């Protein structure tokens, strides 16, 4: 054996002794335990991350559902408001038409009353003119008591015919 092989042999033996000491002291168990605990910690972190992701997805789905419900409710509110506005407009049209009809009827009644009043005034004026004309004619043709009797009779006759 030469010196190089001897040195290699001693290094090999030293390595075996070192590895034996490490085994005796439980270093592989410590390394395995450390690696296992690290793997367990990583597994736990992954499980926590998975749970957080699932919770986040559940919250996202819930908020999307609430958003859709809110949009649907807003749409219903808008549709209801449009229906109410249309009903209010229709009600206003109906009430306006009724008001116009009432006012037209009132105006027609006032016009008819004014016509009746005008006819009554014309008749009254005609009666007054006729009475005055009759009085003058009788005063010219008849004298005294006969004229007064004829005048009274003509007034009674005119009044009875006009009423």
N, C-alpha and C. Protein backbone atom coordinates (compact mmCIF):
# COMPACT_ATOMS: atom_id res chain seq x y z
N UNK A 1 0.82 -1.14 0.00
CA UNK A 1 0.00 0.00 0.00
C UNK A 1 0.89 1.23 0.00
N UNK A 2 0.46 2.14 -0.72
CA UNK A 2 1.30 3.33 -0.77
C UNK A 2 0.72 4.38 0.16
N UNK A 3 1.34 5.51 0.22
CA UNK A 3 0.98 6.55 1.19
C UNK A 3 -0.34 7.20 0.82
N UNK A 4 -0.63 7.34 -0.40
CA UNK A 4 -1.87 7.96 -0.84
C UNK A 4 -3.03 7.06 -0.49
N UNK A 5 -2.85 5.75 -0.70
CA UNK A 5 -3.93 4.86 -0.41
C UNK A 5 -4.15 4.78 1.09
N UNK A 6 -3.06 4.91 1.84
CA UNK A 6 -3.16 4.88 3.28
C UNK A 6 -3.92 6.10 3.77
N UNK A 7 -3.62 7.20 3.20
CA UNK A 7 -4.29 8.44 3.60
C UNK A 7 -5.77 8.34 3.24
N UNK A 8 -6.05 7.79 2.09
CA UNK A 8 -7.42 7.64 1.65
C UNK A 8 -8.14 6.69 2.58
N UNK A 9 -7.43 5.63 3.01
CA UNK A 9 -8.04 4.67 3.92
C UNK A 9 -8.35 5.35 5.24
N UNK A 10 -7.39 6.16 5.77
CA UNK A 10 -7.62 6.84 7.04
C UNK A 10 -8.76 7.88 6.93
N UNK A 11 -8.86 8.51 5.81
CA UNK A 11 -9.96 9.48 5.61
C UNK A 11 -11.28 8.72 5.58
N UNK A 12 -11.27 7.55 4.91
CA UNK A 12 -12.47 6.75 4.82
C UNK A 12 -12.87 6.26 6.20
N UNK A 13 -11.86 5.79 6.97
CA UNK A 13 -12.15 5.28 8.31
C UNK A 13 -12.64 6.43 9.18
N UNK A 14 -12.02 7.59 9.05
CA UNK A 14 -12.42 8.76 9.84
C UNK A 14 -13.86 9.15 9.49
N UNK A 15 -14.17 9.07 8.23
CA UNK A 15 -15.51 9.38 7.79
C UNK A 15 -16.52 8.41 8.40
N UNK A 16 -16.15 7.11 8.39
CA UNK A 16 -17.05 6.11 8.98
C UNK A 16 -17.22 6.34 10.48
N UNK A 17 -16.12 6.70 11.15
CA UNK A 17 -16.20 6.96 12.59
C UNK A 17 -17.09 8.20 12.82
N UNK A 18 -16.87 9.23 12.01
CA UNK A 18 -17.66 10.46 12.14
C UNK A 18 -19.14 10.17 11.91
N UNK A 19 -19.43 9.41 10.87
CA UNK A 19 -20.81 9.05 10.59
C UNK A 19 -21.39 8.18 11.70
N UNK A 20 -20.58 7.30 12.25
CA UNK A 20 -21.02 6.46 13.37
C UNK A 20 -21.35 7.32 14.58
N UNK A 21 -20.46 8.31 14.86
CA UNK A 21 -20.72 9.21 15.98
C UNK A 21 -22.03 10.01 15.75
N UNK A 22 -22.19 10.46 14.53
CA UNK A 22 -23.42 11.20 14.21
C UNK A 22 -24.64 10.33 14.44
N UNK A 23 -24.52 9.03 14.05
CA UNK A 23 -25.63 8.10 14.24
C UNK A 23 -25.87 7.86 15.72
N UNK A 24 -24.78 7.75 16.47
CA UNK A 24 -24.88 7.49 17.90
C UNK A 24 -25.54 8.66 18.60
N UNK A 25 -25.21 9.86 18.17
CA UNK A 25 -25.75 11.06 18.82
C UNK A 25 -27.20 11.33 18.36
N UNK A 26 -27.71 10.66 17.35
CA UNK A 26 -29.09 10.81 16.90
C UNK A 26 -29.27 11.96 15.92
N UNK A 27 -28.19 12.30 15.25
CA UNK A 27 -28.29 13.40 14.29
C UNK A 27 -29.26 13.05 13.16
N UNK A 28 -29.25 11.82 12.61
CA UNK A 28 -30.23 11.54 11.55
C UNK A 28 -31.67 11.69 12.03
N UNK A 29 -31.91 11.28 13.31
CA UNK A 29 -33.27 11.43 13.85
C UNK A 29 -33.60 12.91 13.98
N UNK A 30 -32.61 13.69 14.42
CA UNK A 30 -32.84 15.13 14.56
C UNK A 30 -33.08 15.76 13.19
N UNK A 31 -32.29 15.36 12.21
CA UNK A 31 -32.46 15.88 10.85
C UNK A 31 -33.83 15.45 10.29
N UNK A 32 -34.15 14.18 10.50
CA UNK A 32 -35.44 13.68 10.03
C UNK A 32 -36.58 14.40 10.76
N UNK A 33 -36.42 14.58 12.07
CA UNK A 33 -37.44 15.29 12.86
C UNK A 33 -37.57 16.74 12.40
N UNK A 34 -36.43 17.39 12.17
CA UNK A 34 -36.47 18.78 11.71
C UNK A 34 -37.13 18.86 10.34
N UNK A 35 -36.74 17.92 9.46
CA UNK A 35 -37.33 17.91 8.13
C UNK A 35 -38.83 17.58 8.20
N UNK A 36 -39.17 16.61 9.06
CA UNK A 36 -40.58 16.26 9.22
C UNK A 36 -41.38 17.43 9.79
N UNK A 37 -40.82 18.11 10.80
CA UNK A 37 -41.54 19.24 11.39
C UNK A 37 -41.68 20.38 10.37
N UNK A 38 -40.61 20.56 9.57
CA UNK A 38 -40.67 21.58 8.53
C UNK A 38 -41.72 21.19 7.49
N UNK A 39 -41.74 19.93 7.10
CA UNK A 39 -42.73 19.46 6.13
C UNK A 39 -44.14 19.61 6.71
N UNK A 40 -44.30 19.28 7.99
CA UNK A 40 -45.60 19.43 8.64
C UNK A 40 -46.02 20.90 8.68
N UNK A 41 -45.08 21.79 8.99
CA UNK A 41 -45.36 23.22 9.03
C UNK A 41 -45.76 23.71 7.63
N UNK A 42 -45.05 23.23 6.60
CA UNK A 42 -45.38 23.61 5.22
C UNK A 42 -46.76 23.07 4.85
N UNK A 43 -47.05 21.81 5.25
CA UNK A 43 -48.34 21.22 4.98
C UNK A 43 -49.45 22.02 5.67
N UNK A 44 -49.19 22.41 6.92
CA UNK A 44 -50.17 23.20 7.67
C UNK A 44 -50.37 24.57 6.99
N UNK A 45 -49.29 25.19 6.57
CA UNK A 45 -49.39 26.48 5.86
C UNK A 45 -50.18 26.31 4.57
N UNK A 46 -49.94 25.19 3.86
CA UNK A 46 -50.69 24.94 2.62
C UNK A 46 -52.17 24.72 2.91
N UNK A 47 -52.47 23.97 3.99
CA UNK A 47 -53.87 23.75 4.38
C UNK A 47 -54.53 25.08 4.76
N UNK A 48 -53.80 25.90 5.52
CA UNK A 48 -54.34 27.21 5.90
C UNK A 48 -54.59 28.07 4.65
N UNK A 49 -53.64 28.04 3.74
CA UNK A 49 -53.79 28.81 2.50
C UNK A 49 -54.98 28.30 1.70
N UNK A 50 -55.15 26.96 1.64
CA UNK A 50 -56.28 26.38 0.93
C UNK A 50 -57.60 26.80 1.58
N UNK A 51 -57.65 26.76 2.93
CA UNK A 51 -58.86 27.17 3.63
C UNK A 51 -59.16 28.65 3.38
N UNK A 52 -58.11 29.47 3.44
CA UNK A 52 -58.31 30.90 3.18
C UNK A 52 -58.80 31.14 1.75
N UNK A 53 -58.25 30.39 0.82
CA UNK A 53 -58.67 30.51 -0.57
C UNK A 53 -60.14 30.11 -0.71
N UNK A 54 -60.54 29.00 -0.07
CA UNK A 54 -61.93 28.55 -0.13
C UNK A 54 -62.86 29.59 0.51
N UNK A 55 -62.43 30.16 1.65
CA UNK A 55 -63.23 31.19 2.30
C UNK A 55 -63.37 32.42 1.40
N UNK A 56 -62.25 32.79 0.76
CA UNK A 56 -62.27 33.94 -0.14
C UNK A 56 -63.20 33.68 -1.32
N UNK A 57 -63.16 32.46 -1.85
CA UNK A 57 -64.05 32.13 -2.97
C UNK A 57 -65.51 32.14 -2.52
N UNK A 58 -65.75 31.64 -1.31
CA UNK A 58 -67.11 31.64 -0.78
C UNK A 58 -67.60 33.08 -0.59
N UNK A 59 -66.73 33.94 -0.03
CA UNK A 59 -67.11 35.35 0.14
C UNK A 59 -67.35 36.01 -1.20
N UNK A 60 -66.50 35.72 -2.17
CA UNK A 60 -66.66 36.29 -3.50
C UNK A 60 -68.00 35.85 -4.10
N UNK A 61 -68.30 34.56 -3.97
CA UNK A 61 -69.58 34.06 -4.50
C UNK A 61 -70.76 34.72 -3.78
N UNK A 62 -70.63 34.88 -2.46
CA UNK A 62 -71.71 35.52 -1.69
C UNK A 62 -71.91 36.97 -2.12
N UNK A 63 -70.80 37.70 -2.29
CA UNK A 63 -70.91 39.11 -2.71
C UNK A 63 -71.43 39.22 -4.13
N UNK A 64 -71.04 38.30 -4.98
CA UNK A 64 -71.59 38.33 -6.35
C UNK A 64 -73.09 38.05 -6.32
N UNK A 65 -73.49 37.11 -5.48
CA UNK A 65 -74.92 36.81 -5.35
C UNK A 65 -75.67 38.03 -4.82
N UNK A 66 -75.10 38.68 -3.78
CA UNK A 66 -75.74 39.88 -3.23
C UNK A 66 -75.79 40.99 -4.26
N UNK A 67 -74.75 41.14 -5.07
CA UNK A 67 -74.72 42.17 -6.10
C UNK A 67 -75.82 41.90 -7.12
N UNK A 68 -75.95 40.62 -7.53
CA UNK A 68 -77.01 40.28 -8.49
C UNK A 68 -78.38 40.54 -7.90
N UNK A 69 -78.56 40.18 -6.62
CA UNK A 69 -79.84 40.44 -5.96
C UNK A 69 -80.12 41.94 -5.89
N UNK A 70 -79.08 42.71 -5.56
CA UNK A 70 -79.24 44.16 -5.48
C UNK A 70 -79.58 44.74 -6.84
N UNK A 71 -78.93 44.23 -7.89
CA UNK A 71 -79.23 44.71 -9.24
C UNK A 71 -80.67 44.36 -9.62
N UNK A 72 -81.09 43.14 -9.27
CA UNK A 72 -82.46 42.74 -9.57
C UNK A 72 -83.45 43.60 -8.79
N UNK A 73 -83.15 43.85 -7.52
CA UNK A 73 -84.02 44.69 -6.70
C UNK A 73 -84.07 46.12 -7.26
N UNK A 74 -82.91 46.63 -7.66
CA UNK A 74 -82.87 47.97 -8.26
C UNK A 74 -83.70 48.00 -9.54
N UNK A 75 -83.60 46.95 -10.33
CA UNK A 75 -84.41 46.87 -11.55
C UNK A 75 -85.89 46.84 -11.22
N UNK A 76 -86.26 46.09 -10.17
CA UNK A 76 -87.66 46.04 -9.75
C UNK A 76 -88.13 47.42 -9.27
N UNK A 77 -87.26 48.10 -8.52
CA UNK A 77 -87.62 49.42 -8.02
C UNK A 77 -87.81 50.39 -9.18
N UNK A 78 -86.92 50.34 -10.15
CA UNK A 78 -87.04 51.21 -11.33
C UNK A 78 -88.33 50.89 -12.09
N UNK A 79 -88.59 49.60 -12.29
CA UNK A 79 -89.82 49.21 -13.01
C UNK A 79 -91.05 49.67 -12.24
N UNK A 80 -91.04 49.50 -10.92
CA UNK A 80 -92.16 49.94 -10.09
C UNK A 80 -92.33 51.45 -10.18
N UNK A 81 -91.21 52.17 -10.13
CA UNK A 81 -91.27 53.63 -10.23
C UNK A 81 -91.82 54.06 -11.59
N UNK A 82 -91.43 53.36 -12.64
CA UNK A 82 -91.96 53.68 -13.97
C UNK A 82 -93.47 53.42 -14.02
N UNK A 83 -93.90 52.28 -13.44
CA UNK A 83 -95.33 51.99 -13.41
C UNK A 83 -96.09 53.06 -12.62
N UNK A 84 -95.51 53.45 -11.46
CA UNK A 84 -96.15 54.48 -10.65
C UNK A 84 -96.21 55.80 -11.41
N UNK A 85 -95.13 56.16 -12.08
CA UNK A 85 -95.11 57.41 -12.85
C UNK A 85 -96.14 57.36 -13.96
N UNK A 86 -96.25 56.23 -14.65
CA UNK A 86 -97.24 56.10 -15.72
C UNK A 86 -98.66 56.21 -15.14
N UNK A 87 -98.87 55.60 -13.97
CA UNK A 87 -100.19 55.68 -13.34
C UNK A 87 -100.49 57.13 -12.92
N UNK A 88 -99.49 57.82 -12.41
CA UNK A 88 -99.68 59.22 -12.00
C UNK A 88 -100.00 60.08 -13.22
N UNK A 89 -99.27 59.85 -14.30
CA UNK A 89 -99.52 60.60 -15.54
C UNK A 89 -100.94 60.32 -16.04
N UNK A 90 -101.32 59.05 -16.05
CA UNK A 90 -102.66 58.69 -16.52
C UNK A 90 -103.73 59.30 -15.61
N UNK A 91 -103.48 59.26 -14.30
CA UNK A 91 -104.41 59.86 -13.35
C UNK A 91 -104.52 61.36 -13.58
N UNK A 92 -103.38 62.01 -13.83
CA UNK A 92 -103.40 63.45 -14.10
C UNK A 92 -104.16 63.75 -15.38
N UNK A 93 -103.97 62.92 -16.40
CA UNK A 93 -104.71 63.11 -17.65
C UNK A 93 -106.22 62.97 -17.41
N UNK A 94 -106.57 61.94 -16.68
CA UNK A 94 -107.99 61.69 -16.39
C UNK A 94 -108.58 62.86 -15.60
N UNK A 95 -107.86 63.29 -14.57
CA UNK A 95 -108.36 64.40 -13.75
C UNK A 95 -108.43 65.69 -14.57
N UNK A 96 -107.44 65.91 -15.44
CA UNK A 96 -107.47 67.10 -16.29
C UNK A 96 -108.68 67.05 -17.22
N UNK A 97 -108.92 65.89 -17.81
CA UNK A 97 -110.07 65.75 -18.71
C UNK A 97 -111.37 65.99 -17.94
N UNK A 98 -111.46 65.44 -16.73
CA UNK A 98 -112.67 65.65 -15.92
C UNK A 98 -112.82 67.13 -15.55
N UNK A 99 -111.71 67.77 -15.21
CA UNK A 99 -111.76 69.19 -14.86
C UNK A 99 -112.20 70.02 -16.05
N UNK A 100 -111.65 69.69 -17.22
CA UNK A 100 -112.04 70.40 -18.44
C UNK A 100 -113.53 70.19 -18.71
N UNK A 101 -114.01 68.97 -18.55
CA UNK A 101 -115.43 68.70 -18.76
C UNK A 101 -116.29 69.49 -17.79
N UNK A 102 -115.89 69.51 -16.52
CA UNK A 102 -116.66 70.25 -15.51
C UNK A 102 -116.66 71.74 -15.83
N UNK A 103 -115.50 72.27 -16.18
CA UNK A 103 -115.41 73.70 -16.48
C UNK A 103 -116.21 74.03 -17.75
N UNK A 104 -116.16 73.13 -18.74
CA UNK A 104 -116.93 73.34 -19.95
C UNK A 104 -118.42 73.34 -19.62
N UNK A 105 -118.85 72.40 -18.80
CA UNK A 105 -120.26 72.32 -18.41
C UNK A 105 -120.66 73.58 -17.63
N UNK A 106 -119.78 74.04 -16.73
CA UNK A 106 -120.07 75.25 -15.97
C UNK A 106 -120.16 76.46 -16.90
N UNK A 107 -119.24 76.53 -17.87
CA UNK A 107 -119.27 77.65 -18.82
C UNK A 107 -120.55 77.60 -19.65
N UNK A 108 -120.94 76.38 -20.08
CA UNK A 108 -122.19 76.25 -20.85
C UNK A 108 -123.39 76.66 -20.02
N UNK A 109 -123.37 76.28 -18.73
CA UNK A 109 -124.48 76.68 -17.85
C UNK A 109 -124.51 78.21 -17.69
N UNK A 110 -123.34 78.81 -17.53
CA UNK A 110 -123.29 80.27 -17.39
C UNK A 110 -123.76 80.95 -18.67
N UNK A 111 -123.35 80.39 -19.81
CA UNK A 111 -123.77 80.96 -21.10
C UNK A 111 -125.29 80.84 -21.24
N UNK A 112 -125.84 79.67 -20.90
CA UNK A 112 -127.29 79.47 -20.99
C UNK A 112 -128.02 80.43 -20.06
N UNK A 113 -127.48 80.62 -18.85
CA UNK A 113 -128.10 81.55 -17.90
C UNK A 113 -128.03 82.97 -18.43
N UNK A 114 -126.87 83.32 -19.02
CA UNK A 114 -126.73 84.67 -19.59
C UNK A 114 -127.72 84.87 -20.74
N UNK A 115 -127.91 83.81 -21.55
CA UNK A 115 -128.89 83.90 -22.65
C UNK A 115 -130.29 84.11 -22.09
N UNK A 116 -130.64 83.34 -21.05
CA UNK A 116 -131.97 83.49 -20.43
C UNK A 116 -132.14 84.89 -19.85
N UNK A 117 -131.07 85.37 -19.18
CA UNK A 117 -131.14 86.72 -18.61
C UNK A 117 -131.31 87.77 -19.71
N UNK A 118 -130.55 87.58 -20.83
CA UNK A 118 -130.65 88.54 -21.94
C UNK A 118 -132.04 88.51 -22.54
N UNK A 119 -132.60 87.31 -22.74
CA UNK A 119 -133.95 87.20 -23.30
C UNK A 119 -134.95 87.86 -22.35
N UNK A 120 -134.79 87.64 -21.05
CA UNK A 120 -135.71 88.23 -20.07
C UNK A 120 -135.59 89.75 -20.10
N UNK A 121 -134.35 90.27 -20.24
CA UNK A 121 -134.17 91.72 -20.31
C UNK A 121 -134.81 92.28 -21.58
N UNK A 122 -134.62 91.57 -22.71
CA UNK A 122 -135.22 92.03 -23.97
C UNK A 122 -136.74 92.01 -23.85
N UNK A 123 -137.30 90.96 -23.28
CA UNK A 123 -138.75 90.89 -23.11
C UNK A 123 -139.24 92.02 -22.21
N UNK A 124 -138.49 92.22 -21.12
CA UNK A 124 -138.89 93.27 -20.19
C UNK A 124 -138.85 94.63 -20.88
N UNK A 125 -137.79 94.87 -21.66
CA UNK A 125 -137.69 96.15 -22.38
C UNK A 125 -138.81 96.25 -23.41
N UNK A 126 -139.10 95.13 -24.11
CA UNK A 126 -140.18 95.15 -25.11
C UNK A 126 -141.51 95.45 -24.45
N UNK A 127 -141.75 94.86 -23.29
CA UNK A 127 -143.00 95.11 -22.56
C UNK A 127 -143.08 96.58 -22.19
N UNK A 128 -141.95 97.10 -21.66
CA UNK A 128 -141.94 98.51 -21.25
C UNK A 128 -142.22 99.42 -22.45
N UNK A 129 -141.57 99.09 -23.58
CA UNK A 129 -141.78 99.90 -24.80
C UNK A 129 -143.22 99.77 -25.28
N UNK A 130 -143.77 98.57 -25.27
CA UNK A 130 -145.14 98.33 -25.72
C UNK A 130 -146.12 99.07 -24.82
N UNK A 131 -145.88 99.03 -23.54
CA UNK A 131 -146.77 99.71 -22.59
C UNK A 131 -146.73 101.21 -22.84
N UNK A 132 -145.53 101.71 -23.00
CA UNK A 132 -145.40 103.15 -23.23
C UNK A 132 -146.06 103.55 -24.54
N UNK A 133 -145.87 102.73 -25.60
CA UNK A 133 -146.49 103.03 -26.90
C UNK A 133 -148.00 102.97 -26.78
N UNK A 134 -148.52 101.96 -26.09
CA UNK A 134 -149.97 101.84 -25.92
C UNK A 134 -150.51 103.02 -25.14
N UNK A 135 -149.80 103.43 -24.15
CA UNK A 135 -150.25 104.57 -23.34
C UNK A 135 -150.33 105.82 -24.20
N UNK A 136 -149.34 106.03 -25.04
CA UNK A 136 -149.32 107.24 -25.87
C UNK A 136 -150.46 107.20 -26.90
N UNK A 137 -150.61 106.02 -27.50
CA UNK A 137 -151.67 105.89 -28.51
C UNK A 137 -153.02 106.12 -27.87
N UNK A 138 -153.27 105.52 -26.74
CA UNK A 138 -154.55 105.66 -26.05
C UNK A 138 -154.75 107.10 -25.58
N UNK A 139 -153.68 107.70 -25.18
CA UNK A 139 -153.79 109.08 -24.70
C UNK A 139 -154.17 109.99 -25.85
N UNK A 140 -153.69 109.68 -27.04
CA UNK A 140 -154.01 110.49 -28.20
C UNK A 140 -155.45 110.25 -28.66
N UNK A 141 -155.90 109.00 -28.68
CA UNK A 141 -157.20 108.66 -29.26
C UNK A 141 -158.33 108.73 -28.24
N UNK A 142 -158.08 108.36 -27.06
CA UNK A 142 -159.15 108.35 -26.09
C UNK A 142 -158.79 109.34 -24.99
N UNK A 143 -159.76 109.81 -24.39
CA UNK A 143 -159.47 110.79 -23.36
C UNK A 143 -160.03 110.35 -22.03
N UNK A 144 -159.44 110.79 -20.99
CA UNK A 144 -159.94 110.68 -19.64
C UNK A 144 -160.02 109.29 -19.08
N UNK A 145 -161.28 108.95 -18.58
CA UNK A 145 -161.50 107.72 -17.86
C UNK A 145 -161.43 106.52 -18.78
N UNK A 146 -161.89 106.64 -20.02
CA UNK A 146 -161.85 105.53 -20.96
C UNK A 146 -160.40 105.16 -21.26
N UNK A 147 -159.55 106.13 -21.35
CA UNK A 147 -158.14 105.88 -21.63
C UNK A 147 -157.48 105.13 -20.48
N UNK A 148 -157.83 105.50 -19.27
CA UNK A 148 -157.25 104.84 -18.11
C UNK A 148 -157.70 103.39 -18.03
N UNK A 149 -158.98 103.10 -18.33
CA UNK A 149 -159.48 101.72 -18.31
C UNK A 149 -158.82 100.89 -19.39
N UNK A 150 -158.67 101.42 -20.59
CA UNK A 150 -158.01 100.70 -21.68
C UNK A 150 -156.54 100.44 -21.34
N UNK A 151 -155.90 101.38 -20.73
CA UNK A 151 -154.49 101.24 -20.35
C UNK A 151 -154.32 100.10 -19.36
N UNK A 152 -155.15 100.04 -18.36
CA UNK A 152 -155.07 98.97 -17.35
C UNK A 152 -155.32 97.61 -17.98
N UNK A 153 -156.32 97.51 -18.87
CA UNK A 153 -156.64 96.24 -19.53
C UNK A 153 -155.46 95.78 -20.41
N UNK A 154 -154.84 96.72 -21.11
CA UNK A 154 -153.73 96.34 -21.99
C UNK A 154 -152.51 95.89 -21.18
N UNK A 155 -152.27 96.49 -20.05
CA UNK A 155 -151.15 96.07 -19.18
C UNK A 155 -151.38 94.65 -18.69
N UNK A 156 -152.58 94.35 -18.26
CA UNK A 156 -152.91 93.02 -17.77
C UNK A 156 -152.76 92.01 -18.90
N UNK A 157 -153.21 92.36 -20.11
CA UNK A 157 -153.15 91.45 -21.25
C UNK A 157 -151.69 91.18 -21.65
N UNK A 158 -150.87 92.20 -21.68
CA UNK A 158 -149.44 92.04 -22.06
C UNK A 158 -148.73 91.18 -21.03
N UNK A 159 -148.98 91.42 -19.76
CA UNK A 159 -148.32 90.65 -18.71
C UNK A 159 -148.71 89.18 -18.76
N UNK A 160 -149.98 88.92 -19.03
CA UNK A 160 -150.42 87.53 -19.07
C UNK A 160 -149.83 86.79 -20.28
N UNK A 161 -149.62 87.48 -21.38
CA UNK A 161 -149.06 86.85 -22.57
C UNK A 161 -147.54 86.59 -22.41
N UNK A 162 -146.84 87.44 -21.74
CA UNK A 162 -145.38 87.29 -21.57
C UNK A 162 -145.02 86.25 -20.53
N UNK A 163 -145.88 86.01 -19.59
CA UNK A 163 -145.55 85.04 -18.56
C UNK A 163 -146.08 83.73 -18.97
